[in-house]
Amino acid sequence: MAQRAELEAQIAAVREEEVTNALEQIRQLVEEFDLHEEVQFTRARRGAPRGPGAGVARSPVAPKYRDPESGATWSGRGKPPKWIAGKDRTKFLID
C-alpha cells in the first residue's frame, strides 16, 4: 500500500509538471500569434459549473401550482411537496 501511495504521488507530480509545461506552451503560442482576444485564461474553481450558461445567475421560477388550503406554491421543479404528491396536478394549476 505504501508503494502504491508513493507511485500515485509520483504520477500526480509528473502530471502536474506536464500540465504546467502545456499551459506555458499555450501561453507562448497565444503571445506569438497575438491571440489575446480569442483566448482567455481563467482559473476554474473545483466544482464550478461547466458548460453553456454555467455560472449565470438565474432568476427564480414562477410558481405553477398552489395549494388551495394553505396557499403554499410549487414551481413544478424538484421533488413535489406532500400536498400535491400523488394527486392530479391540474386541480392545483395557477391561472
N, C-alpha and C. Protein backbone atom coordinates (compact mmCIF):
# COMPACT_ATOMS: atom_id res chain seq x y z
N MET A 1 0.83 -1.19 0.00
CA MET A 1 0.00 0.00 0.00
C MET A 1 0.87 1.25 0.00
N ALA A 2 1.97 1.18 0.73
CA ALA A 2 2.88 2.33 0.79
C ALA A 2 3.49 2.58 -0.57
N GLN A 3 3.85 1.51 -1.28
CA GLN A 3 4.41 1.67 -2.62
C GLN A 3 3.39 2.29 -3.56
N ARG A 4 2.16 1.83 -3.43
CA ARG A 4 1.10 2.36 -4.28
C ARG A 4 0.91 3.86 -4.03
N ALA A 5 0.88 4.27 -2.77
CA ALA A 5 0.73 5.68 -2.44
C ALA A 5 1.90 6.48 -2.98
N GLU A 6 3.09 5.92 -2.89
CA GLU A 6 4.28 6.62 -3.41
C GLU A 6 4.20 6.76 -4.93
N LEU A 7 3.79 5.68 -5.61
CA LEU A 7 3.65 5.75 -7.07
C LEU A 7 2.57 6.76 -7.48
N GLU A 8 1.47 6.77 -6.77
CA GLU A 8 0.41 7.73 -7.09
C GLU A 8 0.89 9.16 -6.89
N ALA A 9 1.70 9.39 -5.87
CA ALA A 9 2.26 10.72 -5.64
C ALA A 9 3.20 11.11 -6.77
N GLN A 10 4.00 10.15 -7.23
CA GLN A 10 4.91 10.42 -8.35
C GLN A 10 4.13 10.72 -9.62
N ILE A 11 3.09 9.93 -9.86
CA ILE A 11 2.25 10.16 -11.05
C ILE A 11 1.63 11.55 -11.00
N ALA A 12 1.11 11.93 -9.84
CA ALA A 12 0.49 13.25 -9.70
C ALA A 12 1.50 14.36 -9.93
N ALA A 13 2.73 14.18 -9.44
CA ALA A 13 3.76 15.21 -9.62
C ALA A 13 4.14 15.34 -11.09
N VAL A 14 4.29 14.22 -11.78
CA VAL A 14 4.65 14.25 -13.20
C VAL A 14 3.53 14.89 -14.00
N ARG A 15 2.29 14.53 -13.68
CA ARG A 15 1.15 15.11 -14.41
C ARG A 15 1.08 16.60 -14.19
N GLU A 16 1.28 17.04 -12.98
CA GLU A 16 1.25 18.48 -12.69
C GLU A 16 2.33 19.22 -13.48
N GLU A 17 3.50 18.63 -13.57
CA GLU A 17 4.58 19.24 -14.34
C GLU A 17 4.23 19.31 -15.82
N GLU A 18 3.62 18.21 -16.36
CA GLU A 18 3.22 18.20 -17.76
C GLU A 18 2.15 19.25 -18.04
N VAL A 19 1.20 19.39 -17.14
CA VAL A 19 0.15 20.40 -17.31
C VAL A 19 0.76 21.80 -17.30
N THR A 20 1.68 22.03 -16.37
CA THR A 20 2.33 23.34 -16.29
C THR A 20 3.08 23.64 -17.59
N ASN A 21 3.80 22.65 -18.12
CA ASN A 21 4.52 22.83 -19.38
C ASN A 21 3.57 23.09 -20.54
N ALA A 22 2.46 22.35 -20.58
CA ALA A 22 1.49 22.54 -21.66
C ALA A 22 0.90 23.94 -21.61
N LEU A 23 0.55 24.40 -20.41
CA LEU A 23 -0.01 25.76 -20.28
C LEU A 23 1.01 26.81 -20.70
N GLU A 24 2.27 26.60 -20.37
CA GLU A 24 3.30 27.56 -20.78
C GLU A 24 3.44 27.59 -22.30
N GLN A 25 3.37 26.42 -22.94
CA GLN A 25 3.43 26.38 -24.40
C GLN A 25 2.24 27.11 -25.00
N ILE A 26 1.07 26.92 -24.42
CA ILE A 26 -0.13 27.59 -24.92
C ILE A 26 0.03 29.10 -24.77
N ARG A 27 0.51 29.55 -23.63
CA ARG A 27 0.71 30.98 -23.42
C ARG A 27 1.70 31.56 -24.43
N GLN A 28 2.76 30.80 -24.72
CA GLN A 28 3.74 31.27 -25.71
C GLN A 28 3.11 31.38 -27.09
N LEU A 29 2.29 30.39 -27.46
CA LEU A 29 1.62 30.45 -28.77
C LEU A 29 0.64 31.61 -28.84
N VAL A 30 -0.09 31.84 -27.78
CA VAL A 30 -1.02 32.97 -27.75
C VAL A 30 -0.25 34.27 -27.95
N GLU A 31 0.87 34.41 -27.28
CA GLU A 31 1.69 35.61 -27.42
C GLU A 31 2.27 35.71 -28.83
N GLU A 32 2.80 34.61 -29.33
CA GLU A 32 3.44 34.60 -30.65
C GLU A 32 2.47 34.97 -31.76
N PHE A 33 1.25 34.48 -31.70
CA PHE A 33 0.27 34.72 -32.75
C PHE A 33 -0.73 35.81 -32.39
N ASP A 34 -0.48 36.51 -31.29
CA ASP A 34 -1.33 37.61 -30.84
C ASP A 34 -2.81 37.17 -30.78
N LEU A 35 -3.07 36.12 -30.03
CA LEU A 35 -4.41 35.57 -29.91
C LEU A 35 -5.08 35.97 -28.59
N HIS A 36 -4.70 37.10 -28.05
CA HIS A 36 -5.22 37.53 -26.76
C HIS A 36 -6.73 37.71 -26.76
N GLU A 37 -7.30 38.16 -27.87
CA GLU A 37 -8.74 38.36 -27.94
C GLU A 37 -9.49 37.02 -28.02
N GLU A 38 -8.87 36.03 -28.67
CA GLU A 38 -9.53 34.74 -28.88
C GLU A 38 -9.39 33.80 -27.69
N VAL A 39 -8.32 33.95 -26.92
CA VAL A 39 -8.03 33.02 -25.84
C VAL A 39 -7.93 33.79 -24.53
N GLN A 40 -8.68 33.34 -23.54
CA GLN A 40 -8.62 33.97 -22.22
C GLN A 40 -8.33 32.90 -21.20
N PHE A 41 -7.42 33.20 -20.31
CA PHE A 41 -7.07 32.25 -19.26
C PHE A 41 -7.78 32.63 -17.97
N THR A 42 -8.46 31.68 -17.39
CA THR A 42 -9.08 31.87 -16.08
C THR A 42 -8.81 30.62 -15.28
N ARG A 43 -8.86 30.77 -14.00
CA ARG A 43 -8.69 29.60 -13.13
C ARG A 43 -10.07 29.09 -12.76
N ALA A 44 -10.36 27.87 -13.17
CA ALA A 44 -11.64 27.26 -12.82
C ALA A 44 -11.58 26.79 -11.38
N ARG A 45 -12.62 27.10 -10.64
CA ARG A 45 -12.70 26.61 -9.27
C ARG A 45 -13.16 25.17 -9.31
N ARG A 46 -12.65 24.38 -8.41
CA ARG A 46 -13.09 22.98 -8.33
C ARG A 46 -14.57 22.97 -8.00
N GLY A 47 -15.31 22.16 -8.75
CA GLY A 47 -16.73 22.06 -8.51
C GLY A 47 -17.52 23.18 -9.17
N ALA A 48 -16.83 24.03 -9.93
CA ALA A 48 -17.52 25.13 -10.59
C ALA A 48 -18.40 24.58 -11.71
N PRO A 49 -19.53 25.21 -11.96
CA PRO A 49 -20.40 24.75 -13.04
C PRO A 49 -19.69 24.85 -14.37
N ARG A 50 -20.00 23.95 -15.27
CA ARG A 50 -19.37 23.95 -16.58
C ARG A 50 -20.45 23.88 -17.65
N GLY A 51 -20.08 24.24 -18.86
CA GLY A 51 -20.99 24.12 -19.98
C GLY A 51 -21.71 25.43 -20.27
N PRO A 52 -22.56 25.42 -21.31
CA PRO A 52 -23.26 26.63 -21.71
C PRO A 52 -24.13 27.18 -20.60
N GLY A 53 -24.00 28.46 -20.34
CA GLY A 53 -24.81 29.11 -19.33
C GLY A 53 -24.37 28.82 -17.91
N ALA A 54 -23.27 28.12 -17.76
CA ALA A 54 -22.80 27.77 -16.42
C ALA A 54 -22.36 29.02 -15.68
N GLY A 55 -22.69 29.07 -14.43
CA GLY A 55 -22.28 30.19 -13.62
C GLY A 55 -23.14 31.43 -13.78
N VAL A 56 -24.13 31.36 -14.64
CA VAL A 56 -25.01 32.50 -14.87
C VAL A 56 -26.10 32.48 -13.80
N ALA A 57 -26.28 33.61 -13.15
CA ALA A 57 -27.31 33.69 -12.12
C ALA A 57 -28.68 33.57 -12.79
N ARG A 58 -29.50 32.71 -12.23
CA ARG A 58 -30.83 32.50 -12.80
C ARG A 58 -31.87 33.08 -11.86
N SER A 59 -32.91 33.61 -12.45
CA SER A 59 -33.99 34.15 -11.63
C SER A 59 -34.88 33.01 -11.16
N PRO A 60 -35.56 33.20 -10.06
CA PRO A 60 -36.44 32.13 -9.56
C PRO A 60 -37.55 31.82 -10.55
N VAL A 61 -37.99 30.58 -10.54
CA VAL A 61 -39.06 30.15 -11.44
C VAL A 61 -40.40 30.50 -10.80
N ALA A 62 -41.30 31.02 -11.60
CA ALA A 62 -42.62 31.40 -11.10
C ALA A 62 -43.39 30.15 -10.67
N PRO A 63 -44.20 30.27 -9.61
CA PRO A 63 -44.97 29.12 -9.16
C PRO A 63 -46.01 28.70 -10.21
N LYS A 64 -46.20 27.41 -10.32
CA LYS A 64 -47.14 26.88 -11.30
C LYS A 64 -48.35 26.24 -10.60
N TYR A 65 -48.16 25.82 -9.36
CA TYR A 65 -49.21 25.15 -8.60
C TYR A 65 -49.41 25.83 -7.25
N ARG A 66 -50.67 25.83 -6.77
CA ARG A 66 -50.97 26.42 -5.46
C ARG A 66 -51.90 25.47 -4.69
N ASP A 67 -51.59 25.31 -3.41
CA ASP A 67 -52.44 24.51 -2.52
C ASP A 67 -53.57 25.41 -2.06
N PRO A 68 -54.84 25.10 -2.39
CA PRO A 68 -55.95 25.97 -2.02
C PRO A 68 -56.15 26.07 -0.51
N GLU A 69 -55.74 25.06 0.22
CA GLU A 69 -55.94 25.08 1.67
C GLU A 69 -54.92 25.95 2.39
N SER A 70 -53.65 25.78 2.08
CA SER A 70 -52.60 26.51 2.81
C SER A 70 -52.08 27.73 2.05
N GLY A 71 -52.31 27.76 0.73
CA GLY A 71 -51.78 28.85 -0.07
C GLY A 71 -50.34 28.62 -0.50
N ALA A 72 -49.76 27.49 -0.11
CA ALA A 72 -48.38 27.17 -0.50
C ALA A 72 -48.30 26.99 -2.01
N THR A 73 -47.16 27.35 -2.58
CA THR A 73 -46.98 27.23 -4.03
C THR A 73 -45.79 26.32 -4.33
N TRP A 74 -45.78 25.85 -5.59
CA TRP A 74 -44.69 25.00 -6.07
C TRP A 74 -44.50 25.29 -7.54
N SER A 75 -43.23 25.36 -7.97
CA SER A 75 -42.91 25.70 -9.35
C SER A 75 -43.06 24.53 -10.31
N GLY A 76 -43.15 23.32 -9.79
CA GLY A 76 -43.23 22.15 -10.65
C GLY A 76 -41.86 21.53 -10.88
N ARG A 77 -40.85 22.10 -10.26
CA ARG A 77 -39.49 21.58 -10.39
C ARG A 77 -39.06 20.96 -9.07
N GLY A 78 -38.28 19.92 -9.17
CA GLY A 78 -37.80 19.27 -7.96
C GLY A 78 -38.83 18.32 -7.38
N LYS A 79 -38.56 17.88 -6.17
CA LYS A 79 -39.44 16.93 -5.50
C LYS A 79 -40.76 17.62 -5.17
N PRO A 80 -41.89 16.99 -5.53
CA PRO A 80 -43.18 17.62 -5.24
C PRO A 80 -43.46 17.64 -3.73
N PRO A 81 -44.07 18.72 -3.25
CA PRO A 81 -44.43 18.78 -1.84
C PRO A 81 -45.53 17.77 -1.52
N LYS A 82 -45.68 17.49 -0.25
CA LYS A 82 -46.65 16.46 0.19
C LYS A 82 -48.07 16.79 -0.22
N TRP A 83 -48.43 18.08 -0.27
CA TRP A 83 -49.80 18.44 -0.58
C TRP A 83 -50.19 18.16 -2.03
N ILE A 84 -49.22 17.89 -2.91
CA ILE A 84 -49.54 17.62 -4.31
C ILE A 84 -49.05 16.25 -4.76
N ALA A 85 -48.17 15.64 -3.99
CA ALA A 85 -47.57 14.35 -4.37
C ALA A 85 -48.65 13.30 -4.55
N GLY A 86 -48.62 12.64 -5.71
CA GLY A 86 -49.55 11.56 -5.99
C GLY A 86 -50.95 11.99 -6.36
N LYS A 87 -51.18 13.28 -6.52
CA LYS A 87 -52.53 13.78 -6.85
C LYS A 87 -52.54 14.33 -8.27
N ASP A 88 -53.76 14.55 -8.79
CA ASP A 88 -53.92 15.14 -10.11
C ASP A 88 -53.51 16.62 -10.03
N ARG A 89 -52.46 16.97 -10.70
CA ARG A 89 -51.91 18.33 -10.59
C ARG A 89 -52.76 19.39 -11.27
N THR A 90 -53.62 19.00 -12.19
CA THR A 90 -54.42 20.01 -12.90
C THR A 90 -55.33 20.77 -11.96
N LYS A 91 -55.71 20.16 -10.84
CA LYS A 91 -56.58 20.84 -9.87
C LYS A 91 -55.84 21.96 -9.15
N PHE A 92 -54.53 21.90 -9.16
CA PHE A 92 -53.72 22.86 -8.40
C PHE A 92 -53.08 23.94 -9.29
N LEU A 93 -53.31 23.89 -10.59
CA LEU A 93 -52.69 24.86 -11.51
C LEU A 93 -53.10 26.29 -11.17
N ILE A 94 -52.16 27.19 -11.25
CA ILE A 94 -52.43 28.62 -11.06
C ILE A 94 -52.80 29.19 -12.42
N ASP A 95 -53.89 29.92 -12.48
CA ASP A 95 -54.36 30.51 -13.76
C ASP A 95 -53.43 31.54 -14.30
